[in-house]
Every structure is written in structure tokens, then in C-alpha cells.
Amino acid sequence: MRAGKSDHIPDAQGWVRAIDIDRDLSGQAKPDIMPDLADEIRLYAKREGKRISYIIFDGRIASGLLAWKWRTYKGANKHNHHVHVSFKKEADNDGSFFQIPMLGGTHDSGN
């Protein structure tokens, strides 16, 4: 187990509460679809509101703190080459599908 504070480090029960998704999803730099996917994850978190803690991508962060609006991220790693998604502890046992359109999900555009 690594030392430090990061959602990528397993907690005492072995839970890891973060994923990074590489910007070049297809293994190629173009087309760059990560800005769209990051935004769909953000909109899903805004609608669903109970599993995702925050998202960091391309020098911006979104969380429930400001109603899932993108704002400037001031951390050392701007996450330009990947999107970082951190999850809430309360969601550890929720295995339901993430309804993100680019990943095959559906959503109600009225929310």
C-alpha cells in the first residue's frame, strides 16, 4: 500500500475510489472525444448525485460543491492527459450501470 492521501490508494478495507481514463480512448490522439466524455460524466453526476464525488479534467474540476459546474482546478496535476473520477464511500456497494450516453447509457434530458 502506498502512503499518502489519494482516492487511488486502497483504504483499510481495500476500497479504491478513483479511476483515471486516458484521453486517447481509442489509442489515437484524434478525434479527441475526452472533453465530451468528461462532460457527460459531469452531467450524469449532476443528475444522479449520489455516487461520484468529483471529476478533474483539463485544468477544471466539477463537484456537487457548486452544482457540478466546471471551475478552475488549482492542483499540481491539471489532468490534461486523462480524466480523474473520484467516488463516494457511500457508493461502495452500488453496482448499477452508469447511465452515460457515450458509454451506452440513456438519460432523461429533462433533468
N, C-alpha and C. Protein backbone atom coordinates (compact mmCIF):
# COMPACT_ATOMS: atom_id res chain seq x y z
N MET A 1 0.85 -1.18 0.00
CA MET A 1 0.00 0.00 0.00
C MET A 1 0.89 1.24 0.00
N ARG A 2 0.58 2.19 -0.88
CA ARG A 2 1.33 3.45 -0.92
C ARG A 2 0.90 4.35 0.22
N ALA A 3 1.82 5.22 0.61
CA ALA A 3 1.50 6.21 1.64
C ALA A 3 0.95 7.45 0.95
N GLY A 4 0.19 8.24 1.70
CA GLY A 4 -0.33 9.48 1.16
C GLY A 4 -1.84 9.50 1.14
N LYS A 5 -2.38 10.60 0.61
CA LYS A 5 -3.84 10.76 0.53
C LYS A 5 -4.23 10.84 -0.94
N SER A 6 -4.92 9.84 -1.39
CA SER A 6 -5.40 9.79 -2.76
C SER A 6 -6.51 8.76 -2.83
N ASP A 7 -7.53 9.05 -3.62
CA ASP A 7 -8.59 8.08 -3.82
C ASP A 7 -8.11 6.87 -4.63
N HIS A 8 -6.90 6.94 -5.18
CA HIS A 8 -6.32 5.81 -5.91
C HIS A 8 -5.68 4.79 -4.96
N ILE A 9 -5.47 5.17 -3.71
CA ILE A 9 -4.84 4.29 -2.72
C ILE A 9 -5.93 3.54 -1.97
N PRO A 10 -5.83 2.21 -1.90
CA PRO A 10 -6.85 1.44 -1.17
C PRO A 10 -6.96 1.89 0.29
N ASP A 11 -8.19 1.95 0.80
CA ASP A 11 -8.40 2.28 2.21
C ASP A 11 -8.17 1.01 3.04
N ALA A 12 -8.46 1.07 4.33
CA ALA A 12 -8.22 -0.05 5.23
C ALA A 12 -9.00 -1.30 4.83
N GLN A 13 -10.13 -1.13 4.17
CA GLN A 13 -10.94 -2.26 3.72
C GLN A 13 -10.58 -2.69 2.29
N GLY A 14 -9.64 -2.00 1.67
CA GLY A 14 -9.21 -2.35 0.32
C GLY A 14 -9.94 -1.64 -0.80
N TRP A 15 -10.82 -0.69 -0.48
CA TRP A 15 -11.58 0.03 -1.50
C TRP A 15 -10.71 1.11 -2.16
N VAL A 16 -10.74 1.15 -3.47
CA VAL A 16 -10.11 2.21 -4.26
C VAL A 16 -11.26 3.01 -4.85
N ARG A 17 -11.27 4.31 -4.63
CA ARG A 17 -12.43 5.13 -5.02
C ARG A 17 -12.11 6.14 -6.10
N ALA A 18 -11.22 5.80 -7.02
CA ALA A 18 -10.93 6.71 -8.13
C ALA A 18 -10.49 5.91 -9.35
N ILE A 19 -10.82 6.46 -10.50
CA ILE A 19 -10.31 5.92 -11.75
C ILE A 19 -9.77 7.07 -12.59
N ASP A 20 -8.81 6.76 -13.44
CA ASP A 20 -8.33 7.69 -14.45
C ASP A 20 -8.63 7.06 -15.80
N ILE A 21 -9.16 7.84 -16.71
CA ILE A 21 -9.46 7.37 -18.05
C ILE A 21 -8.59 8.16 -19.02
N ASP A 22 -7.71 7.44 -19.75
CA ASP A 22 -6.79 8.10 -20.67
C ASP A 22 -7.53 8.92 -21.72
N ARG A 23 -6.94 10.06 -22.05
CA ARG A 23 -7.55 10.96 -23.02
C ARG A 23 -7.66 10.32 -24.40
N ASP A 24 -6.69 9.49 -24.78
CA ASP A 24 -6.73 8.85 -26.09
C ASP A 24 -7.46 7.50 -25.98
N LEU A 25 -8.74 7.56 -25.74
CA LEU A 25 -9.56 6.37 -25.52
C LEU A 25 -9.37 5.28 -26.58
N SER A 26 -9.17 5.68 -27.80
CA SER A 26 -9.06 4.71 -28.89
C SER A 26 -7.62 4.30 -29.16
N GLY A 27 -6.67 4.86 -28.40
CA GLY A 27 -5.27 4.60 -28.66
C GLY A 27 -4.69 5.57 -29.67
N GLN A 28 -5.51 6.48 -30.13
CA GLN A 28 -5.09 7.50 -31.08
C GLN A 28 -5.44 8.87 -30.51
N ALA A 29 -4.66 9.86 -30.85
CA ALA A 29 -4.89 11.20 -30.31
C ALA A 29 -6.12 11.88 -30.90
N LYS A 30 -6.51 11.52 -32.11
CA LYS A 30 -7.64 12.18 -32.78
C LYS A 30 -8.65 11.15 -33.22
N PRO A 31 -9.91 11.38 -33.21
CA PRO A 31 -10.51 12.60 -32.68
C PRO A 31 -10.47 12.61 -31.15
N ASP A 32 -10.37 13.78 -30.58
CA ASP A 32 -10.31 13.94 -29.13
C ASP A 32 -11.73 14.01 -28.59
N ILE A 33 -12.21 12.87 -28.09
CA ILE A 33 -13.58 12.82 -27.58
C ILE A 33 -13.64 12.94 -26.06
N MET A 34 -12.46 13.01 -25.40
CA MET A 34 -12.47 13.08 -23.94
C MET A 34 -13.18 14.31 -23.39
N PRO A 35 -13.08 15.50 -24.01
CA PRO A 35 -13.86 16.62 -23.46
C PRO A 35 -15.37 16.31 -23.41
N ASP A 36 -15.85 15.61 -24.44
CA ASP A 36 -17.28 15.26 -24.45
C ASP A 36 -17.61 14.22 -23.39
N LEU A 37 -16.74 13.20 -23.25
CA LEU A 37 -16.99 12.17 -22.24
C LEU A 37 -16.91 12.76 -20.84
N ALA A 38 -15.92 13.60 -20.58
CA ALA A 38 -15.80 14.23 -19.26
C ALA A 38 -17.07 15.02 -18.94
N ASP A 39 -17.61 15.71 -19.93
CA ASP A 39 -18.82 16.48 -19.70
C ASP A 39 -20.03 15.58 -19.48
N GLU A 40 -20.11 14.45 -20.19
CA GLU A 40 -21.22 13.52 -19.96
C GLU A 40 -21.15 12.91 -18.56
N ILE A 41 -19.95 12.62 -18.09
CA ILE A 41 -19.79 12.10 -16.72
C ILE A 41 -20.24 13.17 -15.73
N ARG A 42 -19.87 14.43 -15.98
CA ARG A 42 -20.27 15.54 -15.11
C ARG A 42 -21.79 15.68 -15.08
N LEU A 43 -22.43 15.64 -16.24
CA LEU A 43 -23.88 15.77 -16.29
C LEU A 43 -24.58 14.59 -15.62
N TYR A 44 -24.01 13.40 -15.78
CA TYR A 44 -24.56 12.23 -15.09
C TYR A 44 -24.48 12.44 -13.57
N ALA A 45 -23.32 12.89 -13.09
CA ALA A 45 -23.15 13.13 -11.66
C ALA A 45 -24.15 14.16 -11.15
N LYS A 46 -24.39 15.18 -11.96
CA LYS A 46 -25.36 16.22 -11.59
C LYS A 46 -26.77 15.63 -11.48
N ARG A 47 -27.15 14.78 -12.44
CA ARG A 47 -28.48 14.16 -12.43
C ARG A 47 -28.61 13.14 -11.30
N GLU A 48 -27.62 12.28 -11.18
CA GLU A 48 -27.67 11.13 -10.30
C GLU A 48 -27.30 11.51 -8.86
N GLY A 49 -26.24 12.27 -8.72
CA GLY A 49 -25.87 12.91 -7.47
C GLY A 49 -25.45 12.08 -6.28
N LYS A 50 -25.33 10.76 -6.39
CA LYS A 50 -25.04 10.02 -5.17
C LYS A 50 -23.80 9.14 -5.21
N ARG A 51 -23.17 8.96 -6.36
CA ARG A 51 -22.01 8.06 -6.42
C ARG A 51 -20.69 8.76 -6.72
N ILE A 52 -20.71 9.80 -7.52
CA ILE A 52 -19.47 10.47 -7.90
C ILE A 52 -19.22 11.64 -6.96
N SER A 53 -18.00 11.73 -6.48
CA SER A 53 -17.62 12.80 -5.57
C SER A 53 -17.14 14.03 -6.34
N TYR A 54 -16.22 13.81 -7.30
CA TYR A 54 -15.74 14.92 -8.13
C TYR A 54 -15.06 14.39 -9.38
N ILE A 55 -14.88 15.28 -10.35
CA ILE A 55 -14.25 14.98 -11.63
C ILE A 55 -13.21 16.07 -11.89
N ILE A 56 -12.02 15.66 -12.36
CA ILE A 56 -10.99 16.62 -12.75
C ILE A 56 -10.59 16.31 -14.18
N PHE A 57 -10.54 17.34 -15.01
CA PHE A 57 -10.08 17.17 -16.39
C PHE A 57 -9.67 18.50 -16.99
N ASP A 58 -8.52 18.50 -17.63
CA ASP A 58 -8.05 19.63 -18.44
C ASP A 58 -8.02 20.95 -17.67
N GLY A 59 -7.52 20.89 -16.42
CA GLY A 59 -7.40 22.10 -15.62
C GLY A 59 -8.69 22.58 -14.99
N ARG A 60 -9.72 21.71 -14.98
CA ARG A 60 -11.00 22.08 -14.39
C ARG A 60 -11.47 20.97 -13.46
N ILE A 61 -12.28 21.33 -12.49
CA ILE A 61 -12.86 20.38 -11.56
C ILE A 61 -14.36 20.66 -11.45
N ALA A 62 -15.13 19.61 -11.28
CA ALA A 62 -16.58 19.76 -11.05
C ALA A 62 -16.96 18.85 -9.89
N SER A 63 -17.86 19.34 -9.06
CA SER A 63 -18.37 18.56 -7.93
C SER A 63 -19.72 19.13 -7.52
N GLY A 64 -20.33 18.48 -6.56
CA GLY A 64 -21.60 18.97 -6.05
C GLY A 64 -21.46 20.27 -5.29
N LEU A 65 -20.24 20.63 -4.93
CA LEU A 65 -19.99 21.86 -4.18
C LEU A 65 -20.59 23.09 -4.87
N LEU A 66 -20.45 23.15 -6.20
CA LEU A 66 -21.01 24.27 -6.97
C LEU A 66 -21.94 23.76 -8.06
N ALA A 67 -22.81 22.85 -7.68
CA ALA A 67 -23.85 22.33 -8.58
C ALA A 67 -23.27 21.74 -9.87
N TRP A 68 -22.12 21.09 -9.75
CA TRP A 68 -21.49 20.39 -10.87
C TRP A 68 -21.10 21.30 -12.01
N LYS A 69 -20.84 22.55 -11.72
CA LYS A 69 -20.31 23.47 -12.74
C LYS A 69 -18.79 23.32 -12.78
N TRP A 70 -18.22 23.38 -13.99
CA TRP A 70 -16.77 23.35 -14.12
C TRP A 70 -16.19 24.63 -13.51
N ARG A 71 -15.09 24.49 -12.80
CA ARG A 71 -14.35 25.63 -12.27
C ARG A 71 -12.86 25.32 -12.39
N THR A 72 -12.03 26.30 -12.23
CA THR A 72 -10.59 26.12 -12.36
C THR A 72 -10.06 25.19 -11.28
N TYR A 73 -9.24 24.23 -11.70
CA TYR A 73 -8.58 23.32 -10.77
C TYR A 73 -7.19 23.85 -10.48
N LYS A 74 -6.84 23.99 -9.22
CA LYS A 74 -5.57 24.61 -8.85
C LYS A 74 -4.52 23.61 -8.38
N GLY A 75 -4.78 22.32 -8.53
CA GLY A 75 -3.81 21.32 -8.13
C GLY A 75 -2.62 21.27 -9.07
N ALA A 76 -1.57 20.58 -8.64
CA ALA A 76 -0.34 20.49 -9.43
C ALA A 76 -0.55 19.74 -10.74
N ASN A 77 -1.34 18.68 -10.73
CA ASN A 77 -1.60 17.88 -11.94
C ASN A 77 -2.90 18.37 -12.56
N LYS A 78 -2.83 18.99 -13.70
CA LYS A 78 -4.02 19.56 -14.35
C LYS A 78 -4.89 18.50 -15.02
N HIS A 79 -4.42 17.24 -15.04
CA HIS A 79 -5.18 16.15 -15.65
C HIS A 79 -5.51 16.45 -17.11
N ASN A 80 -4.50 16.87 -17.86
CA ASN A 80 -4.67 17.15 -19.28
C ASN A 80 -4.67 15.89 -20.14
N HIS A 81 -4.07 14.81 -19.64
CA HIS A 81 -3.95 13.58 -20.42
C HIS A 81 -4.93 12.50 -20.00
N HIS A 82 -5.74 12.79 -19.01
CA HIS A 82 -6.76 11.84 -18.55
C HIS A 82 -7.82 12.58 -17.74
N VAL A 83 -8.96 11.93 -17.60
CA VAL A 83 -9.99 12.44 -16.70
C VAL A 83 -9.90 11.61 -15.42
N HIS A 84 -10.00 12.29 -14.30
CA HIS A 84 -9.98 11.64 -12.98
C HIS A 84 -11.40 11.69 -12.43
N VAL A 85 -11.90 10.54 -11.99
CA VAL A 85 -13.23 10.46 -11.39
C VAL A 85 -13.07 9.84 -10.00
N SER A 86 -13.51 10.55 -8.97
CA SER A 86 -13.49 10.02 -7.60
C SER A 86 -14.92 9.72 -7.16
N PHE A 87 -15.03 8.63 -6.41
CA PHE A 87 -16.34 8.13 -5.99
C PHE A 87 -16.53 8.26 -4.49
N LYS A 88 -17.77 8.35 -4.08
CA LYS A 88 -18.12 8.47 -2.67
C LYS A 88 -18.09 7.11 -1.98
N LYS A 89 -17.72 7.11 -0.72
CA LYS A 89 -17.69 5.88 0.07
C LYS A 89 -19.08 5.24 0.15
N GLU A 90 -20.10 6.08 0.21
CA GLU A 90 -21.48 5.58 0.32
C GLU A 90 -21.89 4.73 -0.89
N ALA A 91 -21.14 4.84 -1.97
CA ALA A 91 -21.49 4.12 -3.21
C ALA A 91 -20.71 2.82 -3.37
N ASP A 92 -19.96 2.41 -2.36
CA ASP A 92 -19.12 1.23 -2.48
C ASP A 92 -19.85 -0.01 -2.99
N ASN A 93 -21.06 -0.22 -2.57
CA ASN A 93 -21.79 -1.44 -2.93
C ASN A 93 -22.84 -1.23 -4.01
N ASP A 94 -22.82 -0.09 -4.67
CA ASP A 94 -23.77 0.20 -5.74
C ASP A 94 -23.15 -0.19 -7.07
N GLY A 95 -23.56 -1.31 -7.60
CA GLY A 95 -23.01 -1.80 -8.87
C GLY A 95 -23.88 -1.50 -10.06
N SER A 96 -24.82 -0.59 -9.92
CA SER A 96 -25.70 -0.29 -11.04
C SER A 96 -24.95 0.42 -12.16
N PHE A 97 -25.48 0.31 -13.36
CA PHE A 97 -24.86 0.87 -14.56
C PHE A 97 -24.87 2.39 -14.51
N PHE A 98 -23.77 2.99 -14.94
CA PHE A 98 -23.71 4.44 -15.05
C PHE A 98 -24.38 4.85 -16.36
N GLN A 99 -25.46 5.58 -16.28
CA GLN A 99 -26.23 5.97 -17.45
C GLN A 99 -25.58 7.16 -18.16
N ILE A 100 -24.50 6.86 -18.85
CA ILE A 100 -23.73 7.87 -19.59
C ILE A 100 -23.87 7.53 -21.07
N PRO A 101 -24.50 8.40 -21.86
CA PRO A 101 -24.79 8.07 -23.27
C PRO A 101 -23.60 7.58 -24.08
N MET A 102 -22.43 8.19 -23.96
CA MET A 102 -21.27 7.77 -24.74
C MET A 102 -20.80 6.36 -24.36
N LEU A 103 -21.25 5.88 -23.20
CA LEU A 103 -20.89 4.54 -22.75
C LEU A 103 -22.03 3.55 -22.90
N GLY A 104 -23.04 3.94 -23.67
CA GLY A 104 -24.17 3.06 -23.93
C GLY A 104 -25.38 3.27 -23.05
N GLY A 105 -25.32 4.26 -22.18
CA GLY A 105 -26.43 4.54 -21.28
C GLY A 105 -27.43 5.49 -21.91
N THR A 106 -28.51 5.67 -21.20
CA THR A 106 -29.54 6.62 -21.61
C THR A 106 -29.71 7.62 -20.48
N HIS A 107 -30.37 8.70 -20.78
CA HIS A 107 -30.70 9.66 -19.74
C HIS A 107 -31.94 10.43 -20.16
N ASP A 108 -32.57 10.99 -19.16
CA ASP A 108 -33.74 11.83 -19.36
C ASP A 108 -33.26 13.27 -19.51
N SER A 109 -33.33 13.82 -20.70
CA SER A 109 -32.81 15.17 -20.94
C SER A 109 -33.58 16.24 -20.17
N GLY A 110 -34.67 15.88 -19.55
CA GLY A 110 -35.44 16.84 -18.77
C GLY A 110 -34.84 17.13 -17.42
N ASN A 111 -33.83 16.37 -16.98
CA ASN A 111 -33.20 16.58 -15.66
C ASN A 111 -32.05 17.52 -15.74
